[in-house]
C-alpha atoms as a PDB file:
ATOM      1  CA  MET A   1      75.444 155.207  62.393  1.00  0.00           C
ATOM      2  CA  ILE A   2      72.521 153.565  61.279  1.00  0.00           C
ATOM      3  CA  ILE A   3      73.007 150.679  63.929  1.00  0.00           C
ATOM      4  CA  LYS A   4      73.070 153.963  66.699  1.00  0.00           C
ATOM      5  CA  ILE A   5      69.371 155.247  64.785  1.00  0.00           C
ATOM      6  CA  VAL A   6      67.533 151.271  65.076  1.00  0.00           C
ATOM      7  CA  ALA A   7      68.921 150.762  68.803  1.00  0.00           C
ATOM      8  CA  ALA A   8      67.232 154.451  69.604  1.00  0.00           C
ATOM      9  CA  ALA A   9      63.870 153.197  67.666  1.00  0.00           C
ATOM     10  CA  VAL A  10      63.994 149.497  70.238  1.00  0.00           C
ATOM     11  CA  LEU A  11      64.973 151.446  73.297  1.00  0.00           C
ATOM     12  CA  LEU A  12      61.875 151.691  75.973  1.00  0.00           C
ATOM     13  CA  THR A  13      62.288 154.864  78.627  1.00  0.00           C
ATOM     14  CA  GLY A  14      60.840 153.143  82.177  1.00  0.00           C
ATOM     15  CA  VAL A  15      61.535 154.118  86.023  1.00  0.00           C
ATOM     16  CA  VAL A  16      63.613 151.340  88.314  1.00  0.00           C
ATOM     17  CA  ASP A  17      61.202 150.134  90.679  1.00  0.00           C
ATOM     18  CA  GLN A  18      62.854 148.357  92.726  1.00  0.00           C
ATOM     19  CA  ILE A  19      66.864 146.487  92.791  1.00  0.00           C
ATOM     20  CA  ASN A  20      68.050 143.300  94.428  1.00  0.00           C
ATOM     21  CA  ASP A  21      71.346 142.041  94.540  1.00  0.00           C
ATOM     22  CA  ASP A  22      72.335 142.191  90.496  1.00  0.00           C
ATOM     23  CA  SER A  23      68.931 142.752  89.425  1.00  0.00           C
ATOM     24  CA  ALA A  24      66.710 145.724  89.149  1.00  0.00           C
ATOM     25  CA  THR A  25      63.156 145.657  88.124  1.00  0.00           C
ATOM     26  CA  ILE A  26      61.815 148.710  85.442  1.00  0.00           C
ATOM     27  CA  GLU A  27      58.162 149.518  85.144  1.00  0.00           C
ATOM     28  CA  TYR A  28      57.393 150.983  81.965  1.00  0.00           C
ATOM     29  CA  LYS A  29      54.193 151.940  80.256  1.00  0.00           C
ATOM     30  CA  LEU A  30      53.059 150.683  76.554  1.00  0.00           C
ATOM     31  CA  GLY A  31      49.589 152.755  75.701  1.00  0.00           C
ATOM     32  CA  ASP A  32      47.499 152.577  78.407  1.00  0.00           C
ATOM     33  CA  LYS A  33      49.163 149.492  79.655  1.00  0.00           C
ATOM     34  CA  VAL A  34      51.924 149.099  82.580  1.00  0.00           C
ATOM     35  CA  PHE A  35      54.948 146.469  82.512  1.00  0.00           C
ATOM     36  CA  TYR A  36      57.626 144.988  84.325  1.00  0.00           C
ATOM     37  CA  THR A  37      60.810 143.702  83.033  1.00  0.00           C
ATOM     38  CA  THR A  38      64.165 142.524  85.050  1.00  0.00           C
ATOM     39  CA  VAL A  39      67.295 142.777  83.937  1.00  0.00           C
ATOM     40  CA  SER A  40      71.134 142.839  84.922  1.00  0.00           C
ATOM     41  CA  VAL A  41      72.915 145.782  86.517  1.00  0.00           C
ATOM     42  CA  SER A  42      76.210 144.026  85.814  1.00  0.00           C
ATOM     43  CA  ASN A  43      75.611 143.907  81.850  1.00  0.00           C
ATOM     44  CA  SER A  44      74.465 147.520  82.241  1.00  0.00           C
ATOM     45  CA  ASP A  45      75.973 150.483  81.134  1.00  0.00           C
ATOM     46  CA  CYS A  46      75.266 152.274  83.854  1.00  0.00           C
ATOM     47  CA  ILE A  47      74.608 151.401  87.718  1.00  0.00           C
ATOM     48  CA  PRO A  48      70.691 152.794  88.504  1.00  0.00           C
ATOM     49  CA  ARG A  49      69.209 153.883  91.426  1.00  0.00           C
ATOM     50  CA  GLU A  50      65.694 153.041  92.468  1.00  0.00           C
ATOM     51  CA  GLY A  51      63.374 155.907  91.016  1.00  0.00           C
ATOM     52  CA  ASP A  52      66.308 156.413  88.186  1.00  0.00           C
ATOM     53  CA  ARG A  53      64.991 156.850  85.021  1.00  0.00           C
ATOM     54  CA  VAL A  54      66.342 155.184  82.525  1.00  0.00           C
ATOM     55  CA  LYS A  55      66.754 153.449  78.666  1.00  0.00           C
ATOM     56  CA  PHE A  56      66.827 149.769  78.406  1.00  0.00           C
ATOM     57  CA  ILE A  57      65.556 146.504  76.300  1.00  0.00           C
ATOM     58  CA  THR A  58      63.645 144.282  77.772  1.00  0.00           C
ATOM     59  CA  ASP A  59      64.556 141.603  79.556  1.00  0.00           C
ATOM     60  CA  ASP A  60      68.317 142.370  78.438  1.00  0.00           C
ATOM     61  CA  LYS A  61      70.342 145.627  80.085  1.00  0.00           C
ATOM     62  CA  ILE A  62      69.858 149.740  80.873  1.00  0.00           C
ATOM     63  CA  TYR A  63      71.384 151.897  78.404  1.00  0.00           C
ATOM     64  CA  SER A  64      71.546 154.791  80.330  1.00  0.00           C
ATOM     65  CA  CYS A  65      70.237 156.594  83.480  1.00  0.00           C
ATOM     66  CA  GLU A  66      69.133 159.937  83.376  1.00  0.00           C
ATOM     67  CA  GLY A  67      68.179 159.620  87.370  1.00  0.00           C
ATOM     68  CA  LYS A  68      65.038 161.050  89.008  1.00  0.00           C
ATOM     69  CA  LYS A  69      62.764 162.942  87.410  1.00  0.00           C
END
């Protein structure tokens, strides 16, 4: 239970900007700044599509895909 709470605290939310082969580029905001990170699709817990909102850890993997919003 504690691990799930800690993991939820470090997950970021962003939008899949682009998918190339096995890499997904995710756009996310922290405050007023926009950042980009690239993660492996094959290591992720779901298969995202461009425009999907996702929960992820920077430079690691996607933990959930929520579809387009």
